Every structure is written in structure tokens, then in C-alpha cells.
Amino acid sequence: MQSILHRWFGVGQSSAPDSRKAGSEAAAEAIGGRETKAVFVFASVAHDLPALLSGVRLECGPDAEIVGATTMGELGSAGTTSGGVAVAALGGDGFTVQARAARISRNDPRAAGAAAAEALHGLDDENQVLVLFADGLSGQPHEIVRGAYTAVGAGVPLVGGFAADDRRFQQTYQFIGDEVLTGSVVGLALGSDGPIGIGVAHGWRRIEPPMVVTKSSGPHIYQLDGEPALDVLLRRNNLEGSADQLFNGGRALQPLGLSRRSGEDIRVIHAGDDEARTVWGTADVPQGALVWLMEGDRQAMLDGAAWSCTEAIARLDGLPPLGVLAFDCGGRWAGLVEGGIEQEIQAMRTALSDAPFAGFYTLGEIARVRGALGTHALTLVTLALA
């Protein structure tokens, strides 16, 4: 835990099998008996979630805002857990927090993002950020983020992650106060009298030549360079035949880099239709966009993790980081197995000069800065507070 005069930030983790005990242990470590403004809870769906939140509430008191989500794994300064809980907490007169939640309608997901963004109403702090936790299985995640952006404009950055469920892909949960929600988006508006920095990096590299998305709708890609999209991706991967060959029966992902002024946003293509010869993912790929196949090895992903942290703290006006929230893609976990996960945590520790951090492995990351659309995949998003 760290504190700077009137602001403090701490993290804690627990692998205790008893849910109430796990929540209490992780929160106690993060809070250390101090008066708390906000608690961020990242927990496995294997837990009794109401019991876990009651354990957190015991440590933070009745006035603290509790927000968070279920995960595809938890991470923090001490390492990673699968089936555990990670907690970050902050407090002091230098922080202002407000939270809102909204149900996601499949007919109008933008409205949920806009409603969650109402958490910012009335905040007048010099530095502000909206932290979002949304159901990762509700569909059209980009529309949720667009709704929040429409409500707040370009002046307030957006960060966060899409909730997961330990790779079950059945139902995810979001937390606000003592409530466990599903099919919802939770927004926490955070104001600070210290600088706020955001880092976004993935470590993937372009494979030339690029392709033009000649026909698409939302996350569905029908044509690349005027040909059926599945055929193009199979040929570019030196394969032929079926979607099953490209996606290995659902066990493989196809990263596409979407051209942006600041680099590439990653889109994960995870399925295809053999009859229609189309492919799709979870986030939109605009018609007319320029895209690349992307490649990366373990070292490139580790370098991306370090760069995300470095970018976030570089925006703190020369002040040391008080603490960091981290939103890491569950697909990166899968690509960093057999020692790579521990290497990523160490890379983050080094880049952050051992400042405390906590977060979770997501079904997609949120970061809207410098005009990017806001939804990401296979990416590490970091939020640094000074």
C-alpha cells in the first residue's frame, strides 16, 4: 500500500476457499484499517458472491463505494490467482467517487453506457476518469462504450473491463455496493486532485500486406478485399477448407489489427460460418477499415505489458504512481502460460517501480483516449493514479 499526504491506495489478494473470508482477507490487506472511499473487487464466479461482498463490506465500512466484476483470473502485486479474489482500495480527501449501474438492453446497449456515465454528474475535480465494468456476454460491447462516450464527451477518459466467468461463457456478474448484478454495466466516476494516467499496449506486430474490410456489419466481417472473409483468412494462414481449421474447434483466436492514428486496436476473430464464408468476433470492425493479420511471441507480449505501465506513469506529470488498476485480456493469459504469467507480473512490477497494482483478466478491455473507439482485445490497459 502507498499514500501521498491526503491520498492513499492499497491492494490485497486471497485464495481462501471460504468466500466471506476471501473477501475480508483481500479487503483488509488493501485497506489496512483506513477510511475508504472506493473498493474495486475482482473475483471468480466460483465464489458465493454475496458472501464475498459481505466480507469486503466488513473491512471498508458502510460509506465506501464497492464496484467490480467477475473474472477470467485475478492479478495483483503478489501475482495471479485463478478462482480467487483481488481487491484495490483508495481513500483520502484527495479522491471523490460516485457510482451508478444500468441494465443492458439488447435493443439499446448505448443507453446503458450513457446511464452508467451519469456517475460523473456533479464531479468538479481537476482530474477525472470513468471506470466501467460491463457484462462481457451481453453482445455489442462497443455500443456500451459509445453510449458512455456520447454522455461524457472527449474531456473525460474511459477505462475498464468486460466481466468474465472463468471461461465458462455462460453468465458474468458485476458489483455495485452490496449488490450482485448480471447483464449490467457499472460506472465509477473517480475524481482526484492528483494526475491520472492511462496506458494501452498489446505487443502484437503487423503482418503485411494489409486488407480492406469491404463488407461488414458490427462484429461480422463478410468480405475482405472483395472476397469472402473466411477464404481470405484461411489463405493468409496457409490453410484451406473450414472455419474449424482456422479456429481449431474454438480453441484458437485470429487477431486482426484495426488501423488507428495511435497504432492498431486489436480485434479478436473467434468464429466463422463455412456456408456463408463469413467470420466474426465480439467488437465491431467498420466497413472500409484497413486491417492486418497480427503476430506476437511471448517477449512481445511482455514488452507490451511493460509499455502499458510505462505509458500510464509517463502521464503523471513526473510524480510517482500511488497505485494502478490493470485490465488484462484473458486471451493474453492463454498466450503466456508455462511461466509467462509470472514474467508479465514481474515486468509490471519493474515498470511500475513496485507501486501496488490489482486487476483482472477480462473478456475485453475499455480504454478511450486520443480518439480511439474504446474497446480493445488481447491488450493490457492500465490506470495509474498519483
Protein backbone atom coordinates (compact mmCIF):
# COMPACT_ATOMS: atom_id res chain seq x y z
CA MET A 1 0.00 0.00 0.00
CA GLN A 2 1.12 3.57 -0.65
CA SER A 3 -0.04 7.02 0.44
CA ILE A 4 0.83 10.56 -0.59
CA LEU A 5 -0.30 13.07 2.02
CA HIS A 6 -4.10 13.01 1.72
CA ARG A 7 -4.42 10.22 -0.87
CA TRP A 8 -3.77 6.50 -0.41
CA PHE A 9 -4.06 3.32 -2.50
CA GLY A 10 -3.69 -0.31 -1.43
CA VAL A 11 -4.17 -3.81 -2.86
CA GLY A 12 -4.86 -7.26 -1.45
CA GLN A 13 -5.44 -10.80 -2.68
CA SER A 14 -6.81 -14.04 -1.28
CA SER A 15 -7.18 -17.66 -2.38
CA ALA A 16 -9.20 -18.70 0.67
CA PRO A 17 -11.94 -21.19 -0.32
CA ASP A 18 -14.48 -19.61 2.05
CA SER A 19 -15.97 -16.67 0.14
CA ARG A 20 -16.67 -14.39 3.08
CA LYS A 21 -13.17 -14.99 4.42
CA ALA A 22 -11.61 -14.40 0.98
CA GLY A 23 -13.37 -11.06 0.61
CA SER A 24 -12.45 -9.99 4.13
CA GLU A 25 -8.80 -11.07 3.78
CA ALA A 26 -8.20 -9.31 0.49
CA ALA A 27 -10.02 -6.14 1.58
CA ALA A 28 -8.24 -6.00 4.95
CA GLU A 29 -4.87 -6.21 3.22
CA ALA A 30 -5.80 -3.45 0.79
CA ILE A 31 -7.43 -1.11 3.31
CA GLY A 32 -5.25 -1.53 6.38
CA GLY A 33 -7.87 -0.03 8.70
CA ARG A 34 -8.02 3.31 6.86
CA GLU A 35 -11.12 5.34 5.98
CA THR A 36 -12.07 4.19 2.49
CA LYS A 37 -13.67 5.95 -0.48
CA ALA A 38 -13.78 3.13 -3.07
CA VAL A 39 -13.09 -0.60 -3.24
CA PHE A 40 -12.58 -2.47 -6.52
CA VAL A 41 -13.38 -6.19 -6.25
CA PHE A 42 -12.32 -8.75 -8.87
CA ALA A 43 -13.50 -12.28 -8.10
CA SER A 44 -14.05 -15.70 -9.63
CA VAL A 45 -17.63 -16.80 -10.32
CA ALA A 46 -16.80 -19.92 -8.28
CA HIS A 47 -17.28 -17.82 -5.13
CA ASP A 48 -20.50 -17.19 -3.25
CA LEU A 49 -20.51 -13.59 -4.45
CA PRO A 50 -22.95 -12.05 -1.93
CA ALA A 51 -20.95 -13.64 0.90
CA LEU A 52 -17.70 -12.38 -0.61
CA LEU A 53 -19.05 -8.80 -0.82
CA SER A 54 -20.24 -9.00 2.78
CA GLY A 55 -16.68 -9.86 3.78
CA VAL A 56 -15.42 -6.83 1.87
CA ARG A 57 -18.04 -4.58 3.50
CA LEU A 58 -16.88 -5.62 6.96
CA GLU A 59 -13.48 -4.10 6.24
CA CYS A 60 -14.40 -0.94 4.31
CA GLY A 61 -17.35 0.35 6.33
CA PRO A 62 -20.83 1.45 5.21
CA ASP A 63 -19.87 4.58 3.27
CA ALA A 64 -17.34 3.18 0.78
CA GLU A 65 -18.38 2.58 -2.82
CA ILE A 66 -17.84 -1.07 -3.82
CA VAL A 67 -17.61 -1.86 -7.55
CA GLY A 68 -16.15 -4.68 -9.61
CA ALA A 69 -16.75 -7.76 -11.70
CA THR A 70 -16.20 -11.47 -12.09
CA THR A 71 -13.09 -12.58 -13.91
CA MET A 72 -11.11 -14.96 -16.09
CA GLY A 73 -8.37 -14.81 -13.45
CA GLU A 74 -7.23 -12.20 -10.94
CA LEU A 75 -3.93 -10.32 -10.76
CA GLY A 76 -2.09 -8.12 -8.34
CA SER A 77 1.27 -7.12 -6.95
CA ALA A 78 1.64 -10.54 -5.30
CA GLY A 79 0.94 -12.47 -8.52
CA THR A 80 -2.08 -14.13 -10.15
CA THR A 81 -4.88 -16.36 -8.95
CA SER A 82 -7.50 -18.45 -10.70
CA GLY A 83 -10.61 -18.89 -8.60
CA GLY A 84 -9.53 -16.22 -6.11
CA VAL A 85 -10.16 -12.55 -5.39
CA ALA A 86 -8.11 -9.39 -5.87
CA VAL A 87 -9.02 -6.06 -4.28
CA ALA A 88 -7.83 -2.50 -4.79
CA ALA A 89 -8.90 0.26 -2.43
CA LEU A 90 -8.32 4.00 -2.20
CA GLY A 91 -9.22 6.85 0.08
CA GLY A 92 -8.38 10.24 1.46
CA ASP A 93 -9.66 13.76 0.89
CA GLY A 94 -7.85 13.89 -2.45
CA PHE A 95 -10.31 11.48 -4.08
CA THR A 96 -14.01 11.87 -4.97
CA VAL A 97 -16.08 8.86 -6.08
CA GLN A 98 -19.64 8.23 -7.28
CA ALA A 99 -21.13 5.04 -8.77
CA ARG A 100 -24.08 4.19 -10.99
CA ALA A 101 -25.37 0.96 -12.58
CA ALA A 102 -27.66 0.27 -15.53
CA ARG A 103 -29.23 -2.78 -17.10
CA ILE A 104 -28.05 -3.51 -20.66
CA SER A 105 -30.86 -3.72 -23.21
CA ARG A 106 -30.04 -5.71 -26.34
CA ASN A 107 -32.16 -3.23 -28.28
CA ASP A 108 -30.28 -0.19 -26.95
CA PRO A 109 -26.95 -1.01 -25.30
CA ARG A 110 -25.80 2.58 -25.76
CA ALA A 111 -28.40 3.71 -23.23
CA ALA A 112 -26.78 1.56 -20.53
CA GLY A 113 -23.37 3.11 -21.14
CA ALA A 114 -24.87 6.60 -21.02
CA ALA A 115 -26.74 5.80 -17.79
CA ALA A 116 -23.60 4.45 -16.11
CA ALA A 117 -21.78 7.61 -17.14
CA GLU A 118 -24.22 9.63 -15.02
CA ALA A 119 -21.88 8.77 -12.15
CA LEU A 120 -19.84 11.78 -13.30
CA HIS A 121 -22.64 14.26 -12.66
CA GLY A 122 -21.61 16.84 -10.10
CA LEU A 123 -17.91 15.96 -10.01
CA ASP A 124 -15.74 19.07 -10.29
CA ASP A 125 -12.29 17.61 -9.59
CA GLU A 126 -9.47 18.79 -11.82
CA ASN A 127 -8.68 15.21 -12.90
CA GLN A 128 -11.46 12.72 -13.66
CA VAL A 129 -11.87 9.24 -15.12
CA LEU A 130 -14.88 6.96 -15.62
CA VAL A 131 -14.15 3.31 -14.74
CA LEU A 132 -16.58 0.86 -16.37
CA PHE A 133 -17.35 -2.78 -15.58
CA ALA A 134 -19.74 -4.38 -18.08
CA ASP A 135 -21.20 -7.80 -18.78
CA GLY A 136 -18.84 -9.44 -21.26
CA LEU A 137 -21.54 -11.70 -22.74
CA SER A 138 -24.27 -9.13 -23.42
CA GLY A 139 -23.26 -8.52 -27.04
CA GLN A 140 -22.25 -5.27 -28.80
CA PRO A 141 -19.71 -4.16 -26.19
CA HIS A 142 -18.60 -1.28 -28.41
CA GLU A 143 -22.10 0.19 -28.22
CA ILE A 144 -21.93 0.30 -24.41
CA VAL A 145 -18.68 2.26 -24.60
CA ARG A 146 -20.05 4.53 -27.31
CA GLY A 147 -23.01 5.31 -25.07
CA ALA A 148 -20.72 6.33 -22.24
CA TYR A 149 -18.60 8.43 -24.59
CA THR A 150 -21.67 10.15 -26.00
CA ALA A 151 -22.66 11.15 -22.48
CA VAL A 152 -19.29 12.42 -21.25
CA GLY A 153 -17.53 13.62 -24.42
CA ALA A 154 -13.82 13.68 -25.08
CA GLY A 155 -12.89 15.52 -21.90
CA VAL A 156 -13.08 12.52 -19.55
CA PRO A 157 -11.18 9.29 -20.33
CA LEU A 158 -12.86 5.88 -20.08
CA VAL A 159 -11.17 2.73 -18.78
CA GLY A 160 -12.32 -0.65 -17.52
CA GLY A 161 -13.04 -4.22 -18.47
CA PHE A 162 -15.75 -6.66 -19.55
CA ALA A 163 -16.65 -9.22 -16.90
CA ALA A 164 -15.86 -12.91 -17.46
CA ASP A 165 -16.85 -16.20 -15.83
CA ASP A 166 -13.75 -18.42 -15.61
CA ARG A 167 -14.05 -19.39 -19.31
CA ARG A 168 -17.49 -20.90 -18.84
CA PHE A 169 -19.06 -18.33 -21.22
CA GLN A 170 -22.45 -18.68 -19.54
CA GLN A 171 -23.10 -15.72 -17.20
CA THR A 172 -20.97 -12.91 -15.79
CA TYR A 173 -21.60 -10.65 -12.81
CA GLN A 174 -21.00 -7.03 -11.88
CA PHE A 175 -20.83 -5.48 -8.40
CA ILE A 176 -22.12 -2.20 -7.03
CA GLY A 177 -22.46 -1.62 -3.31
CA ASP A 178 -23.61 -4.88 -1.78
CA GLU A 179 -25.47 -5.96 -4.94
CA VAL A 180 -24.50 -8.65 -7.43
CA LEU A 181 -25.86 -7.83 -10.90
CA THR A 182 -25.78 -9.54 -14.28
CA GLY A 183 -26.45 -8.15 -17.74
CA SER A 184 -25.42 -4.73 -16.46
CA VAL A 185 -22.78 -2.03 -16.68
CA VAL A 186 -21.38 -0.33 -13.57
CA GLY A 187 -19.68 3.03 -13.76
CA LEU A 188 -17.49 4.55 -11.08
CA ALA A 189 -16.59 8.21 -11.54
CA LEU A 190 -13.26 8.94 -9.91
CA GLY A 191 -12.05 12.46 -9.30
CA SER A 192 -8.60 13.25 -7.97
CA ASP A 193 -6.52 16.31 -7.12
CA GLY A 194 -3.53 14.35 -8.45
CA PRO A 195 -2.75 13.38 -12.07
CA ILE A 196 -4.31 10.32 -13.72
CA GLY A 197 -2.51 8.31 -16.42
CA ILE A 198 -3.75 5.63 -18.83
CA GLY A 199 -1.64 3.09 -20.71
CA VAL A 200 -2.80 0.92 -23.62
CA ALA A 201 -0.47 -1.63 -25.24
CA HIS A 202 -0.56 -5.17 -26.64
CA GLY A 203 2.81 -6.06 -28.17
CA TRP A 204 1.39 -7.55 -31.38
CA ARG A 205 3.02 -6.84 -34.77
CA ARG A 206 1.54 -6.34 -38.25
CA ILE A 207 1.85 -8.99 -40.94
CA GLU A 208 1.92 -7.26 -44.33
CA PRO A 209 0.12 -6.69 -46.61
CA PRO A 210 -3.00 -5.05 -45.12
CA MET A 211 -6.56 -5.91 -46.11
CA VAL A 212 -9.61 -3.71 -46.64
CA VAL A 213 -12.87 -4.64 -44.95
CA THR A 214 -15.10 -4.34 -47.99
CA LYS A 215 -18.28 -5.59 -46.31
CA SER A 216 -19.10 -5.81 -42.60
CA SER A 217 -21.83 -5.21 -40.05
CA GLY A 218 -20.92 -4.73 -36.40
CA PRO A 219 -18.57 -7.58 -35.40
CA HIS A 220 -19.38 -9.64 -38.53
CA ILE A 221 -16.96 -9.47 -41.46
CA TYR A 222 -18.42 -10.64 -44.76
CA GLN A 223 -15.70 -9.63 -47.20
CA LEU A 224 -12.00 -8.74 -47.13
CA ASP A 225 -10.53 -7.24 -50.32
CA GLY A 226 -13.78 -8.07 -52.10
CA GLU A 227 -13.59 -11.80 -51.32
CA PRO A 228 -15.37 -13.95 -48.71
CA ALA A 229 -13.65 -13.16 -45.42
CA LEU A 230 -13.21 -16.77 -44.28
CA ASP A 231 -11.49 -17.69 -47.56
CA VAL A 232 -9.07 -14.77 -47.25
CA LEU A 233 -8.11 -15.59 -43.66
CA LEU A 234 -7.65 -19.27 -44.47
CA ARG A 235 -5.38 -18.43 -47.42
CA ARG A 236 -3.37 -15.91 -45.39
CA ASN A 237 -2.79 -18.63 -42.78
CA ASN A 238 -1.80 -21.19 -45.44
CA LEU A 239 -4.94 -23.22 -44.76
CA GLU A 240 -7.95 -24.21 -46.81
CA GLY A 241 -11.39 -25.63 -46.18
CA SER A 242 -13.31 -24.92 -43.00
CA ALA A 243 -13.56 -22.45 -40.15
CA ASP A 244 -12.69 -25.29 -37.79
CA GLN A 245 -9.19 -25.39 -39.29
CA LEU A 246 -8.71 -21.66 -38.72
CA PHE A 247 -10.11 -21.57 -35.18
CA ASN A 248 -9.05 -25.07 -34.08
CA GLY A 249 -12.50 -26.07 -32.91
CA GLY A 250 -12.95 -22.86 -30.91
CA ARG A 251 -9.57 -23.11 -29.18
CA ALA A 252 -7.72 -20.61 -31.39
CA LEU A 253 -8.15 -16.88 -31.98
CA GLN A 254 -7.35 -14.78 -35.05
CA PRO A 255 -6.06 -11.34 -34.04
CA LEU A 256 -6.74 -8.53 -36.51
CA GLY A 257 -5.13 -5.11 -36.16
CA LEU A 258 -7.52 -2.24 -36.93
CA SER A 259 -5.69 0.86 -38.17
CA ARG A 260 -5.74 3.83 -35.80
CA ARG A 261 -3.73 7.06 -35.73
CA SER A 262 -2.08 5.87 -32.49
CA GLY A 263 -1.32 2.36 -33.80
CA GLU A 264 -3.54 -0.72 -34.04
CA ASP A 265 -6.56 -1.69 -31.99
CA ILE A 266 -6.78 -5.47 -31.74
CA ARG A 267 -9.97 -7.23 -32.78
CA VAL A 268 -10.29 -10.92 -31.90
CA ILE A 269 -11.95 -13.02 -34.60
CA HIS A 270 -13.03 -16.28 -32.99
CA ALA A 271 -15.60 -17.97 -35.23
CA GLY A 272 -16.70 -18.45 -38.82
CA ASP A 273 -19.50 -19.84 -40.95
CA ASP A 274 -18.49 -22.46 -43.53
CA GLU A 275 -21.59 -21.93 -45.64
CA ALA A 276 -21.66 -18.11 -45.68
CA ARG A 277 -17.82 -17.92 -45.59
CA THR A 278 -18.00 -15.13 -43.00
CA VAL A 279 -16.14 -14.57 -39.72
CA TRP A 280 -16.89 -12.62 -36.56
CA GLY A 281 -15.68 -11.56 -33.14
CA THR A 282 -17.15 -9.56 -30.26
CA ALA A 283 -16.35 -5.94 -31.23
CA ASP A 284 -17.23 -4.01 -34.35
CA VAL A 285 -14.99 -3.86 -37.40
CA PRO A 286 -16.10 -0.90 -39.55
CA GLN A 287 -16.71 -1.35 -43.24
CA GLY A 288 -13.91 0.30 -45.20
CA ALA A 289 -11.37 -0.16 -42.40
CA LEU A 290 -7.77 -1.15 -43.07
CA VAL A 291 -6.76 -4.26 -41.10
CA TRP A 292 -3.74 -6.52 -40.72
CA LEU A 293 -3.18 -10.03 -39.51
CA MET A 294 -1.20 -9.70 -36.28
CA GLU A 295 1.54 -11.85 -34.81
CA GLY A 296 3.30 -11.87 -31.46
CA ASP A 297 5.53 -14.00 -29.33
CA ARG A 298 5.89 -14.16 -25.55
CA GLN A 299 8.58 -11.49 -25.38
CA ALA A 300 6.48 -9.13 -27.49
CA MET A 301 3.53 -9.53 -25.11
CA LEU A 302 5.80 -8.97 -22.10
CA ASP A 303 7.16 -5.86 -23.75
CA GLY A 304 3.58 -4.71 -24.34
CA ALA A 305 2.76 -5.13 -20.65
CA ALA A 306 5.78 -3.07 -19.65
CA TRP A 307 4.93 -0.39 -22.20
CA SER A 308 1.32 -0.07 -20.98
CA CYS A 309 2.60 0.59 -17.45
CA THR A 310 5.30 2.96 -18.68
CA GLU A 311 2.81 4.92 -20.77
CA ALA A 312 0.42 5.28 -17.81
CA ILE A 313 3.02 6.60 -15.36
CA ALA A 314 4.52 8.91 -18.01
CA ARG A 315 1.23 10.85 -17.82
CA LEU A 316 1.55 11.56 -14.09
CA ASP A 317 3.45 14.83 -14.54
CA GLY A 318 6.63 13.38 -13.11
CA LEU A 319 5.02 12.12 -9.88
CA PRO A 320 5.49 8.51 -8.76
CA PRO A 321 2.49 6.19 -9.14
CA LEU A 322 0.39 5.83 -6.00
CA GLY A 323 -1.25 2.69 -7.39
CA VAL A 324 -2.54 1.10 -10.59
CA LEU A 325 -5.67 -0.71 -11.78
CA ALA A 326 -4.95 -3.28 -14.52
CA PHE A 327 -7.33 -4.76 -17.09
CA ASP A 328 -5.62 -7.63 -18.90
CA CYS A 329 -7.20 -9.75 -21.63
CA GLY A 330 -7.96 -13.37 -20.82
CA GLY A 331 -6.54 -14.22 -24.25
CA ARG A 332 -3.16 -12.89 -23.11
CA TRP A 333 -3.30 -15.26 -20.11
CA ALA A 334 -3.79 -18.14 -22.55
CA GLY A 335 -0.81 -16.97 -24.59
CA LEU A 336 1.51 -16.57 -21.59
CA VAL A 337 1.15 -19.96 -19.92
CA GLU A 338 4.07 -22.04 -18.62
CA GLY A 339 5.86 -19.28 -16.76
CA GLY A 340 4.83 -16.35 -18.92
CA ILE A 341 2.16 -15.15 -16.48
CA GLU A 342 4.75 -14.74 -13.73
CA GLN A 343 7.05 -12.97 -16.18
CA GLU A 344 4.30 -10.50 -17.07
CA ILE A 345 3.65 -9.71 -13.40
CA GLN A 346 7.38 -9.14 -12.89
CA ALA A 347 7.53 -6.89 -15.95
CA MET A 348 4.69 -4.83 -14.49
CA ARG A 349 6.37 -4.63 -11.08
CA THR A 350 9.56 -3.37 -12.67
CA ALA A 351 7.86 -0.83 -14.94
CA LEU A 352 5.79 0.49 -12.01
CA SER A 353 8.79 0.68 -9.66
CA ASP A 354 6.95 -1.69 -7.31
CA ALA A 355 3.89 0.54 -6.93
CA PRO A 356 0.88 -1.57 -5.87
CA PHE A 357 -1.47 -2.82 -8.58
CA ALA A 358 -4.51 -5.07 -8.89
CA GLY A 359 -6.97 -6.04 -11.58
CA PHE A 360 -8.42 -8.91 -13.57
CA TYR A 361 -8.29 -10.90 -16.78
CA THR A 362 -11.21 -9.76 -18.92
CA LEU A 363 -13.41 -10.64 -21.88
CA GLY A 364 -12.36 -7.32 -23.42
CA GLU A 365 -10.78 -4.09 -22.29
CA ILE A 366 -12.03 -0.50 -22.27
CA ALA A 367 -9.79 2.50 -22.88
CA ARG A 368 -10.94 5.59 -24.72
CA VAL A 369 -8.15 8.12 -25.07
CA ARG A 370 -6.91 10.16 -28.04
CA GLY A 371 -9.99 9.36 -30.12
CA ALA A 372 -9.78 5.54 -30.13
CA LEU A 373 -13.11 3.76 -30.33
CA GLY A 374 -12.65 2.44 -26.81
CA THR A 375 -12.99 -1.36 -26.99
CA HIS A 376 -9.86 -3.50 -27.11
CA ALA A 377 -8.80 -7.14 -27.06
CA LEU A 378 -5.56 -9.02 -26.29
CA THR A 379 -4.46 -5.76 -24.67
CA LEU A 380 -3.30 -4.58 -21.24
CA VAL A 381 -4.99 -1.37 -20.10
CA THR A 382 -3.56 0.35 -17.02
CA LEU A 383 -4.93 3.23 -14.96
CA ALA A 384 -2.27 4.93 -12.83
CA LEU A 385 -3.04 7.35 -10.00
CA ALA A 386 -0.55 9.79 -8.49
